[in-house]
């Protein structure tokens, strides 16, 4: 798995501050304090850079659901529903977002794709999801949960489920029982 550019920038910041502090004072205690301070700053900078890098195809491009009523309306539709739950501070959520945005574009008109910021919705909606972590992606069809994925997963995991649901929906309603084809 490639290292995120934001993490590399954060690590570089830690290294640079530690070297500067050590060169300035020559004391190991000061160097350790500088490393701890720089680690916090580096992580913050790294997260901000990563959010900026994921701007195109990021979470902001997804339709948001904030109420239980909106969620219920989407569940009631005949169209399959993909819901990405996330937290704004979650690095992995921003890593997954471009994949979910791609899916929303690929399946436009055939699958509803939305995002739910778990910490910024009404409590009733937050309770509708049993989260194991961020991000968690839920796929619904016919008002029922069909799949749940915790963490960042390959694109194929989502497309396999979605394609299967779409194939079932487009299958003919009247199928002859096995053994009756061609008999008169």
N, C-alpha and C. Protein backbone atom coordinates (compact mmCIF):
# COMPACT_ATOMS: atom_id res chain seq x y z
N UNK A 1 0.85 -1.18 0.00
CA UNK A 1 0.00 0.00 0.00
C UNK A 1 0.89 1.23 0.00
N UNK A 2 0.70 2.18 -0.94
CA UNK A 2 1.55 3.36 -0.99
C UNK A 2 1.32 4.26 0.21
N UNK A 3 2.40 4.96 0.60
CA UNK A 3 2.30 5.89 1.72
C UNK A 3 1.65 7.17 1.22
N UNK A 4 0.70 7.69 1.98
CA UNK A 4 0.00 8.92 1.60
C UNK A 4 0.97 10.09 1.62
N UNK A 5 0.90 10.99 0.63
CA UNK A 5 1.79 12.15 0.60
C UNK A 5 1.73 12.98 1.87
N UNK A 6 0.55 13.09 2.46
CA UNK A 6 0.42 13.86 3.69
C UNK A 6 1.26 13.29 4.82
N UNK A 7 1.34 11.98 4.89
CA UNK A 7 2.14 11.34 5.94
C UNK A 7 3.63 11.61 5.69
N UNK A 8 4.05 11.55 4.43
CA UNK A 8 5.44 11.85 4.11
C UNK A 8 5.80 13.28 4.48
N UNK A 9 4.91 14.22 4.22
CA UNK A 9 5.16 15.62 4.58
C UNK A 9 5.24 15.76 6.09
N UNK A 10 4.35 15.07 6.80
CA UNK A 10 4.39 15.10 8.26
C UNK A 10 5.70 14.56 8.81
N UNK A 11 6.16 13.44 8.25
CA UNK A 11 7.41 12.82 8.69
C UNK A 11 8.59 13.75 8.40
N UNK A 12 8.58 14.40 7.25
CA UNK A 12 9.65 15.34 6.90
C UNK A 12 9.67 16.51 7.87
N UNK A 13 8.49 16.99 8.27
CA UNK A 13 8.41 18.10 9.22
C UNK A 13 9.00 17.69 10.57
N UNK A 14 8.69 16.49 11.02
CA UNK A 14 9.23 15.99 12.30
C UNK A 14 10.75 15.94 12.23
N UNK A 15 11.28 15.38 11.17
CA UNK A 15 12.72 15.24 11.01
C UNK A 15 13.39 16.61 10.97
N UNK A 16 12.84 17.53 10.21
CA UNK A 16 13.45 18.85 10.07
C UNK A 16 13.45 19.60 11.40
N UNK A 17 12.35 19.59 12.12
CA UNK A 17 12.28 20.29 13.40
C UNK A 17 13.23 19.67 14.42
N UNK A 18 13.30 18.34 14.45
CA UNK A 18 14.20 17.66 15.39
C UNK A 18 15.66 18.01 15.10
N UNK A 19 16.03 18.01 13.84
CA UNK A 19 17.41 18.37 13.47
C UNK A 19 17.72 19.81 13.85
N UNK A 20 16.78 20.70 13.57
CA UNK A 20 16.97 22.10 13.91
C UNK A 20 17.16 22.27 15.41
N UNK A 21 16.32 21.64 16.20
CA UNK A 21 16.38 21.77 17.66
C UNK A 21 17.68 21.19 18.20
N UNK A 22 18.08 20.06 17.67
CA UNK A 22 19.31 19.43 18.14
C UNK A 22 20.52 20.29 17.77
N UNK A 23 20.52 20.84 16.56
CA UNK A 23 21.63 21.69 16.12
C UNK A 23 21.68 22.97 16.96
N UNK A 24 20.53 23.46 17.36
CA UNK A 24 20.45 24.71 18.11
C UNK A 24 20.93 24.53 19.54
N UNK A 25 20.53 23.43 20.19
CA UNK A 25 20.83 23.28 21.62
C UNK A 25 21.84 22.18 21.92
N UNK A 26 21.83 21.12 21.15
CA UNK A 26 22.72 20.00 21.42
C UNK A 26 22.26 19.13 22.58
N UNK A 27 21.10 19.41 23.17
CA UNK A 27 20.58 18.63 24.29
C UNK A 27 19.56 17.61 23.80
N UNK A 28 19.73 16.37 24.26
CA UNK A 28 18.81 15.32 23.85
C UNK A 28 17.40 15.56 24.37
N UNK A 29 17.24 16.10 25.57
CA UNK A 29 15.92 16.37 26.13
C UNK A 29 15.15 17.38 25.29
N UNK A 30 15.85 18.43 24.86
CA UNK A 30 15.21 19.42 23.99
C UNK A 30 14.84 18.80 22.65
N UNK A 31 15.69 17.91 22.17
CA UNK A 31 15.43 17.25 20.89
C UNK A 31 14.18 16.39 20.99
N UNK A 32 14.03 15.66 22.10
CA UNK A 32 12.85 14.81 22.30
C UNK A 32 11.59 15.66 22.37
N UNK A 33 11.63 16.77 23.10
CA UNK A 33 10.46 17.65 23.18
C UNK A 33 10.13 18.21 21.79
N UNK A 34 11.15 18.55 21.03
CA UNK A 34 10.92 19.07 19.67
C UNK A 34 10.30 18.01 18.78
N UNK A 35 10.74 16.77 18.94
CA UNK A 35 10.18 15.67 18.14
C UNK A 35 8.70 15.49 18.47
N UNK A 36 8.34 15.51 19.76
CA UNK A 36 6.94 15.36 20.15
C UNK A 36 6.09 16.50 19.61
N UNK A 37 6.58 17.73 19.73
CA UNK A 37 5.85 18.88 19.21
C UNK A 37 5.73 18.78 17.69
N UNK A 38 6.82 18.47 17.03
CA UNK A 38 6.81 18.38 15.57
C UNK A 38 5.94 17.24 15.08
N UNK A 39 5.85 16.15 15.85
CA UNK A 39 4.98 15.05 15.46
C UNK A 39 3.53 15.51 15.41
N UNK A 40 3.10 16.22 16.43
CA UNK A 40 1.73 16.74 16.44
C UNK A 40 1.49 17.69 15.29
N UNK A 41 2.42 18.60 15.08
CA UNK A 41 2.29 19.55 13.97
C UNK A 41 2.33 18.82 12.64
N UNK A 42 3.25 17.87 12.52
CA UNK A 42 3.39 17.12 11.27
C UNK A 42 2.15 16.32 10.93
N UNK A 43 1.54 15.69 11.93
CA UNK A 43 0.31 14.93 11.69
C UNK A 43 -0.80 15.87 11.25
N UNK A 44 -0.93 17.02 11.91
CA UNK A 44 -1.96 17.98 11.52
C UNK A 44 -1.73 18.47 10.09
N UNK A 45 -0.51 18.86 9.78
CA UNK A 45 -0.21 19.33 8.42
C UNK A 45 -0.45 18.22 7.41
N UNK A 46 -0.02 17.02 7.74
CA UNK A 46 -0.20 15.89 6.84
C UNK A 46 -1.67 15.62 6.55
N UNK A 47 -2.52 15.71 7.58
CA UNK A 47 -3.96 15.49 7.38
C UNK A 47 -4.55 16.58 6.48
N UNK A 48 -4.11 17.83 6.70
CA UNK A 48 -4.63 18.93 5.89
C UNK A 48 -4.19 18.78 4.43
N UNK A 49 -2.93 18.39 4.22
CA UNK A 49 -2.44 18.19 2.86
C UNK A 49 -3.20 17.06 2.20
N UNK A 50 -3.41 15.97 2.94
CA UNK A 50 -4.13 14.83 2.37
C UNK A 50 -5.55 15.21 2.00
N UNK A 51 -6.21 16.00 2.83
CA UNK A 51 -7.56 16.47 2.51
C UNK A 51 -7.54 17.30 1.24
N UNK A 52 -6.51 18.16 1.12
CA UNK A 52 -6.39 18.98 -0.07
C UNK A 52 -6.15 18.14 -1.32
N UNK A 53 -5.33 17.11 -1.20
CA UNK A 53 -5.04 16.25 -2.34
C UNK A 53 -6.26 15.46 -2.76
N UNK A 54 -7.14 15.14 -1.80
CA UNK A 54 -8.33 14.36 -2.15
C UNK A 54 -9.49 15.28 -2.52
N UNK A 55 -9.21 16.59 -2.69
CA UNK A 55 -10.27 17.55 -3.00
C UNK A 55 -11.06 17.18 -4.24
N UNK A 56 -10.37 16.81 -5.32
CA UNK A 56 -11.07 16.38 -6.52
C UNK A 56 -11.47 14.94 -6.32
N UNK A 57 -12.76 14.70 -6.32
CA UNK A 57 -13.22 13.35 -6.04
C UNK A 57 -13.33 13.09 -4.55
N UNK A 58 -13.45 14.17 -3.77
CA UNK A 58 -13.52 14.03 -2.33
C UNK A 58 -14.94 13.94 -1.80
N UNK A 59 -15.04 13.83 -0.51
CA UNK A 59 -16.32 13.67 0.18
C UNK A 59 -17.28 14.80 -0.16
N UNK A 60 -16.75 16.01 -0.36
CA UNK A 60 -17.61 17.16 -0.65
C UNK A 60 -18.43 16.98 -1.92
N UNK A 61 -18.01 16.09 -2.80
CA UNK A 61 -18.73 15.87 -4.05
C UNK A 61 -19.92 14.92 -3.89
N UNK A 62 -20.02 14.26 -2.75
CA UNK A 62 -21.12 13.31 -2.54
C UNK A 62 -22.33 14.02 -1.94
N UNK A 63 -23.52 13.55 -2.31
CA UNK A 63 -24.75 14.05 -1.70
C UNK A 63 -24.74 13.65 -0.23
N UNK A 64 -25.19 14.56 0.63
CA UNK A 64 -25.19 14.30 2.08
C UNK A 64 -26.59 14.00 2.57
N UNK A 65 -26.67 13.09 3.53
CA UNK A 65 -27.92 12.78 4.22
C UNK A 65 -27.69 13.14 5.68
N UNK A 66 -28.60 13.94 6.25
CA UNK A 66 -28.42 14.39 7.63
C UNK A 66 -29.59 14.02 8.54
N UNK A 67 -30.71 13.56 7.95
CA UNK A 67 -31.86 13.23 8.79
C UNK A 67 -32.32 11.79 8.54
N UNK A 68 -32.96 11.25 9.53
CA UNK A 68 -33.49 9.89 9.40
C UNK A 68 -34.58 9.85 8.34
N UNK A 69 -35.32 10.95 8.20
CA UNK A 69 -36.38 11.02 7.20
C UNK A 69 -35.80 10.92 5.78
N UNK A 70 -34.71 11.65 5.52
CA UNK A 70 -34.05 11.56 4.21
C UNK A 70 -33.58 10.14 3.93
N UNK A 71 -32.97 9.53 4.92
CA UNK A 71 -32.48 8.16 4.79
C UNK A 71 -33.64 7.21 4.49
N UNK A 72 -34.75 7.35 5.20
CA UNK A 72 -35.92 6.50 4.98
C UNK A 72 -36.48 6.65 3.58
N UNK A 73 -36.50 7.88 3.08
CA UNK A 73 -37.00 8.11 1.71
C UNK A 73 -36.12 7.41 0.68
N UNK A 74 -34.81 7.47 0.88
CA UNK A 74 -33.89 6.80 -0.04
C UNK A 74 -34.03 5.27 0.04
N UNK A 75 -34.22 4.76 1.24
CA UNK A 75 -34.41 3.31 1.41
C UNK A 75 -35.68 2.83 0.72
N UNK A 76 -36.70 3.67 0.71
CA UNK A 76 -37.99 3.28 0.13
C UNK A 76 -37.97 3.27 -1.40
N UNK A 77 -36.98 3.91 -2.00
CA UNK A 77 -36.91 3.93 -3.47
C UNK A 77 -36.54 2.55 -4.00
N UNK A 78 -36.88 2.32 -5.26
CA UNK A 78 -36.54 1.06 -5.92
C UNK A 78 -35.07 0.96 -6.29
N UNK A 79 -34.38 2.08 -6.27
CA UNK A 79 -32.97 2.14 -6.64
C UNK A 79 -32.09 1.67 -5.49
N UNK A 80 -31.07 0.84 -5.75
CA UNK A 80 -30.13 0.49 -4.69
C UNK A 80 -29.49 1.75 -4.09
N UNK A 81 -29.05 1.64 -2.86
CA UNK A 81 -28.51 2.77 -2.12
C UNK A 81 -27.15 2.39 -1.55
N UNK A 82 -26.13 3.22 -1.81
CA UNK A 82 -24.82 3.05 -1.20
C UNK A 82 -24.61 4.23 -0.27
N UNK A 83 -24.31 3.94 1.00
CA UNK A 83 -24.10 4.98 2.01
C UNK A 83 -22.69 4.85 2.56
N UNK A 84 -21.92 5.93 2.45
CA UNK A 84 -20.59 5.96 3.07
C UNK A 84 -20.70 6.79 4.34
N UNK A 85 -20.47 6.17 5.49
CA UNK A 85 -20.44 6.91 6.75
C UNK A 85 -18.99 7.31 6.99
N UNK A 86 -18.82 8.52 7.50
CA UNK A 86 -17.46 9.02 7.68
C UNK A 86 -17.39 10.02 8.82
N UNK A 87 -16.17 10.35 9.19
CA UNK A 87 -15.89 11.43 10.12
C UNK A 87 -14.94 12.38 9.39
N UNK A 88 -15.14 13.66 9.55
CA UNK A 88 -14.33 14.65 8.84
C UNK A 88 -12.85 14.51 9.14
N UNK A 89 -12.52 14.07 10.35
CA UNK A 89 -11.12 13.95 10.75
C UNK A 89 -10.49 12.60 10.38
N UNK A 90 -11.21 11.76 9.69
CA UNK A 90 -10.74 10.41 9.38
C UNK A 90 -9.93 10.39 8.07
N UNK A 91 -8.65 10.10 8.19
CA UNK A 91 -7.77 10.02 7.01
C UNK A 91 -8.26 8.96 6.03
N UNK A 92 -8.65 7.80 6.54
CA UNK A 92 -9.08 6.71 5.67
C UNK A 92 -10.36 7.06 4.91
N UNK A 93 -11.21 7.87 5.53
CA UNK A 93 -12.44 8.31 4.85
C UNK A 93 -12.10 9.14 3.62
N UNK A 94 -11.12 10.02 3.77
CA UNK A 94 -10.70 10.86 2.65
C UNK A 94 -9.95 10.04 1.60
N UNK A 95 -9.32 8.97 2.02
CA UNK A 95 -8.65 8.07 1.08
C UNK A 95 -9.68 7.30 0.25
N UNK A 96 -10.77 6.87 0.87
CA UNK A 96 -11.80 6.10 0.19
C UNK A 96 -12.71 6.97 -0.68
N UNK A 97 -12.88 8.23 -0.32
CA UNK A 97 -13.85 9.10 -0.99
C UNK A 97 -13.73 9.12 -2.52
N UNK A 98 -12.55 9.22 -3.11
CA UNK A 98 -12.49 9.23 -4.58
C UNK A 98 -13.08 7.97 -5.21
N UNK A 99 -12.92 6.83 -4.58
CA UNK A 99 -13.51 5.59 -5.09
C UNK A 99 -15.03 5.67 -5.05
N UNK A 100 -15.58 6.17 -3.95
CA UNK A 100 -17.03 6.28 -3.82
C UNK A 100 -17.57 7.31 -4.81
N UNK A 101 -16.85 8.40 -5.02
CA UNK A 101 -17.27 9.39 -6.01
C UNK A 101 -17.27 8.78 -7.41
N UNK A 102 -16.24 7.98 -7.73
CA UNK A 102 -16.21 7.28 -9.03
C UNK A 102 -17.44 6.39 -9.19
N UNK A 103 -17.79 5.67 -8.15
CA UNK A 103 -18.97 4.80 -8.20
C UNK A 103 -20.23 5.62 -8.42
N UNK A 104 -20.33 6.77 -7.76
CA UNK A 104 -21.53 7.61 -7.94
C UNK A 104 -21.64 8.07 -9.39
N UNK A 105 -20.52 8.34 -10.03
CA UNK A 105 -20.53 8.76 -11.43
C UNK A 105 -20.83 7.59 -12.36
N UNK A 106 -20.23 6.45 -12.07
CA UNK A 106 -20.42 5.26 -12.92
C UNK A 106 -21.86 4.76 -12.89
N UNK A 107 -22.48 4.81 -11.72
CA UNK A 107 -23.83 4.25 -11.55
C UNK A 107 -24.91 5.33 -11.48
N UNK A 108 -24.62 6.53 -11.99
CA UNK A 108 -25.59 7.62 -11.92
C UNK A 108 -26.92 7.19 -12.54
N UNK A 109 -28.00 7.44 -11.83
CA UNK A 109 -29.33 7.08 -12.30
C UNK A 109 -29.71 5.64 -11.99
N UNK A 110 -28.76 4.81 -11.61
CA UNK A 110 -29.05 3.40 -11.31
C UNK A 110 -28.84 3.06 -9.83
N UNK A 111 -27.99 3.84 -9.15
CA UNK A 111 -27.71 3.63 -7.73
C UNK A 111 -27.61 5.00 -7.07
N UNK A 112 -28.28 5.18 -5.93
CA UNK A 112 -28.13 6.41 -5.15
C UNK A 112 -26.89 6.25 -4.29
N UNK A 113 -25.98 7.22 -4.36
CA UNK A 113 -24.76 7.19 -3.57
C UNK A 113 -24.74 8.45 -2.71
N UNK A 114 -24.66 8.26 -1.39
CA UNK A 114 -24.70 9.38 -0.45
C UNK A 114 -23.65 9.19 0.64
N UNK A 115 -23.39 10.29 1.35
CA UNK A 115 -22.46 10.27 2.47
C UNK A 115 -23.19 10.73 3.73
N UNK A 116 -22.82 10.14 4.86
CA UNK A 116 -23.37 10.52 6.15
C UNK A 116 -22.20 10.80 7.08
N UNK A 117 -22.05 12.07 7.49
CA UNK A 117 -21.02 12.41 8.47
C UNK A 117 -21.59 12.06 9.83
N UNK A 118 -21.15 10.96 10.37
CA UNK A 118 -21.76 10.35 11.55
C UNK A 118 -21.89 11.30 12.72
N UNK A 119 -20.92 12.19 12.89
CA UNK A 119 -20.94 13.10 14.04
C UNK A 119 -21.78 14.35 13.80
N UNK A 120 -22.30 14.53 12.57
CA UNK A 120 -23.01 15.77 12.26
C UNK A 120 -24.44 15.52 11.81
N UNK A 121 -25.03 14.44 12.29
CA UNK A 121 -26.40 14.12 11.90
C UNK A 121 -27.25 13.98 13.16
N UNK A 122 -28.56 13.94 12.95
CA UNK A 122 -29.45 13.78 14.10
C UNK A 122 -29.22 12.38 14.72
N UNK A 123 -29.38 12.29 16.03
CA UNK A 123 -29.08 11.04 16.73
C UNK A 123 -29.81 9.81 16.18
N UNK A 124 -31.06 9.98 15.75
CA UNK A 124 -31.83 8.85 15.24
C UNK A 124 -31.17 8.25 14.00
N UNK A 125 -30.60 9.11 13.15
CA UNK A 125 -29.91 8.62 11.95
C UNK A 125 -28.60 7.95 12.34
N UNK A 126 -27.86 8.53 13.26
CA UNK A 126 -26.59 7.95 13.70
C UNK A 126 -26.82 6.54 14.27
N UNK A 127 -27.92 6.34 14.98
CA UNK A 127 -28.22 5.04 15.57
C UNK A 127 -28.64 4.00 14.54
N UNK A 128 -29.02 4.45 13.34
CA UNK A 128 -29.46 3.52 12.30
C UNK A 128 -28.29 2.69 11.77
N UNK A 129 -27.08 3.14 12.01
CA UNK A 129 -25.90 2.43 11.53
C UNK A 129 -25.15 1.82 12.70
N UNK A 130 -24.80 0.55 12.57
CA UNK A 130 -23.97 -0.09 13.59
C UNK A 130 -22.53 -0.08 13.06
N UNK A 131 -21.80 0.95 13.46
CA UNK A 131 -20.46 1.15 12.92
C UNK A 131 -19.42 0.39 13.69
N UNK A 132 -18.47 -0.14 12.93
CA UNK A 132 -17.29 -0.78 13.53
C UNK A 132 -16.09 0.13 13.40
N UNK A 133 -16.23 1.20 12.67
CA UNK A 133 -15.15 2.17 12.46
C UNK A 133 -15.46 3.02 11.26
N UNK A 134 -14.54 3.93 10.97
CA UNK A 134 -14.69 4.81 9.81
C UNK A 134 -13.64 4.45 8.77
N UNK A 135 -13.95 4.55 7.53
CA UNK A 135 -15.28 4.67 6.97
C UNK A 135 -15.99 3.32 6.99
N UNK A 136 -17.30 3.35 6.99
CA UNK A 136 -18.11 2.15 6.81
C UNK A 136 -19.05 2.42 5.65
N UNK A 137 -19.10 1.49 4.71
CA UNK A 137 -19.96 1.62 3.54
C UNK A 137 -21.06 0.57 3.65
N UNK A 138 -22.31 1.03 3.50
CA UNK A 138 -23.48 0.15 3.52
C UNK A 138 -24.10 0.15 2.13
N UNK A 139 -24.55 -1.01 1.70
CA UNK A 139 -25.28 -1.10 0.43
C UNK A 139 -26.64 -1.70 0.74
N UNK A 140 -27.69 -0.98 0.30
CA UNK A 140 -29.07 -1.39 0.54
C UNK A 140 -29.78 -1.63 -0.78
N UNK A 141 -30.75 -2.52 -0.73
CA UNK A 141 -31.63 -2.75 -1.88
C UNK A 141 -32.94 -3.30 -1.34
N UNK A 142 -34.05 -2.80 -1.87
CA UNK A 142 -35.35 -3.25 -1.40
C UNK A 142 -35.58 -2.92 0.06
N UNK A 143 -34.94 -1.86 0.56
CA UNK A 143 -35.10 -1.46 1.95
C UNK A 143 -34.28 -2.28 2.94
N UNK A 144 -33.49 -3.24 2.45
CA UNK A 144 -32.70 -4.11 3.32
C UNK A 144 -31.21 -3.90 3.11
N UNK A 145 -30.44 -4.04 4.19
CA UNK A 145 -28.99 -3.98 4.08
C UNK A 145 -28.50 -5.24 3.37
N UNK A 146 -27.76 -5.07 2.30
CA UNK A 146 -27.24 -6.21 1.52
C UNK A 146 -25.76 -6.44 1.75
N UNK A 147 -25.03 -5.37 2.16
CA UNK A 147 -23.59 -5.51 2.41
C UNK A 147 -23.13 -4.38 3.31
N UNK A 148 -22.03 -4.66 4.04
CA UNK A 148 -21.42 -3.67 4.91
C UNK A 148 -19.91 -3.87 4.84
N UNK A 149 -19.19 -2.79 4.57
CA UNK A 149 -17.74 -2.85 4.46
C UNK A 149 -17.13 -1.83 5.41
N UNK A 150 -16.29 -2.28 6.33
CA UNK A 150 -15.60 -1.37 7.24
C UNK A 150 -14.18 -1.14 6.71
N UNK A 151 -13.76 0.11 6.73
CA UNK A 151 -12.42 0.45 6.28
C UNK A 151 -12.35 0.67 4.78
N UNK A 152 -11.14 0.89 4.30
CA UNK A 152 -10.91 1.12 2.88
C UNK A 152 -10.82 -0.24 2.19
N UNK A 153 -11.64 -0.43 1.19
CA UNK A 153 -11.69 -1.71 0.47
C UNK A 153 -11.46 -1.45 -1.02
N UNK A 154 -11.07 -2.49 -1.75
CA UNK A 154 -10.90 -2.33 -3.20
C UNK A 154 -12.23 -2.01 -3.88
N UNK A 155 -12.14 -1.28 -4.94
CA UNK A 155 -13.32 -0.86 -5.71
C UNK A 155 -14.18 -2.06 -6.11
N UNK A 156 -13.53 -3.16 -6.45
CA UNK A 156 -14.24 -4.36 -6.91
C UNK A 156 -15.18 -4.91 -5.84
N UNK A 157 -14.85 -4.73 -4.58
CA UNK A 157 -15.74 -5.21 -3.51
C UNK A 157 -17.12 -4.56 -3.64
N UNK A 158 -17.12 -3.28 -3.95
CA UNK A 158 -18.39 -2.55 -4.08
C UNK A 158 -19.08 -2.88 -5.39
N UNK A 159 -18.32 -2.90 -6.48
CA UNK A 159 -18.94 -3.13 -7.79
C UNK A 159 -19.52 -4.53 -7.90
N UNK A 160 -18.89 -5.52 -7.28
CA UNK A 160 -19.44 -6.88 -7.32
C UNK A 160 -20.83 -6.94 -6.71
N UNK A 161 -21.01 -6.30 -5.57
CA UNK A 161 -22.32 -6.30 -4.90
C UNK A 161 -23.32 -5.49 -5.73
N UNK A 162 -22.91 -4.29 -6.14
CA UNK A 162 -23.83 -3.43 -6.90
C UNK A 162 -24.25 -4.09 -8.21
N UNK A 163 -23.28 -4.64 -8.96
CA UNK A 163 -23.61 -5.29 -10.22
C UNK A 163 -24.56 -6.48 -10.00
N UNK A 164 -24.35 -7.22 -8.92
CA UNK A 164 -25.24 -8.33 -8.61
C UNK A 164 -26.66 -7.85 -8.32
N UNK A 165 -26.78 -6.76 -7.56
CA UNK A 165 -28.10 -6.22 -7.25
C UNK A 165 -28.79 -5.69 -8.50
N UNK A 166 -28.04 -5.02 -9.36
CA UNK A 166 -28.61 -4.48 -10.59
C UNK A 166 -29.02 -5.60 -11.55
N UNK A 167 -28.26 -6.69 -11.56
CA UNK A 167 -28.60 -7.83 -12.42
C UNK A 167 -29.90 -8.48 -11.96
N UNK A 168 -30.08 -8.60 -10.65
CA UNK A 168 -31.32 -9.18 -10.11
C UNK A 168 -32.50 -8.28 -10.45
N UNK A 169 -32.32 -6.95 -10.33
CA UNK A 169 -33.40 -6.03 -10.61
C UNK A 169 -33.80 -6.03 -12.08
N UNK A 170 -32.84 -6.28 -12.97
CA UNK A 170 -33.16 -6.25 -14.39
C UNK A 170 -33.56 -7.62 -14.94
N UNK A 171 -33.51 -8.65 -14.10
CA UNK A 171 -33.90 -10.00 -14.54
C UNK A 171 -35.40 -10.04 -14.79
N UNK A 172 -35.84 -10.85 -15.76
CA UNK A 172 -37.28 -10.96 -16.02
C UNK A 172 -38.02 -11.49 -14.80
N UNK A 173 -39.23 -10.96 -14.60
CA UNK A 173 -40.03 -11.37 -13.44
C UNK A 173 -40.54 -12.79 -13.57
N UNK A 174 -40.94 -13.15 -14.76
CA UNK A 174 -41.53 -14.48 -14.96
C UNK A 174 -40.48 -15.43 -15.50
N UNK A 175 -40.03 -16.32 -14.67
CA UNK A 175 -39.06 -17.33 -15.08
C UNK A 175 -39.75 -18.68 -14.96
N UNK A 176 -39.67 -19.46 -16.03
CA UNK A 176 -40.30 -20.79 -16.00
C UNK A 176 -39.53 -21.70 -15.06
N UNK A 177 -40.20 -22.55 -14.31
CA UNK A 177 -39.51 -23.51 -13.45
C UNK A 177 -38.65 -24.44 -14.30
N UNK A 178 -37.57 -24.89 -13.72
CA UNK A 178 -36.67 -25.81 -14.41
C UNK A 178 -37.43 -27.07 -14.81
N UNK A 179 -37.20 -27.52 -16.02
CA UNK A 179 -37.84 -28.75 -16.49
C UNK A 179 -39.12 -28.51 -17.28
N UNK A 180 -39.59 -27.25 -17.35
CA UNK A 180 -40.82 -26.99 -18.09
C UNK A 180 -40.56 -26.28 -19.41
N UNK A 181 -39.30 -25.89 -19.66
CA UNK A 181 -39.03 -25.19 -20.92
C UNK A 181 -39.21 -26.14 -22.09
N UNK A 182 -39.87 -25.64 -23.09
CA UNK A 182 -40.02 -26.39 -24.34
C UNK A 182 -41.07 -27.49 -24.31
N UNK A 183 -41.80 -27.67 -23.24
CA UNK A 183 -42.84 -28.71 -23.20
C UNK A 183 -44.16 -28.09 -23.53
N UNK A 184 -44.98 -28.81 -24.26
CA UNK A 184 -46.31 -28.30 -24.61
C UNK A 184 -47.36 -29.28 -24.27
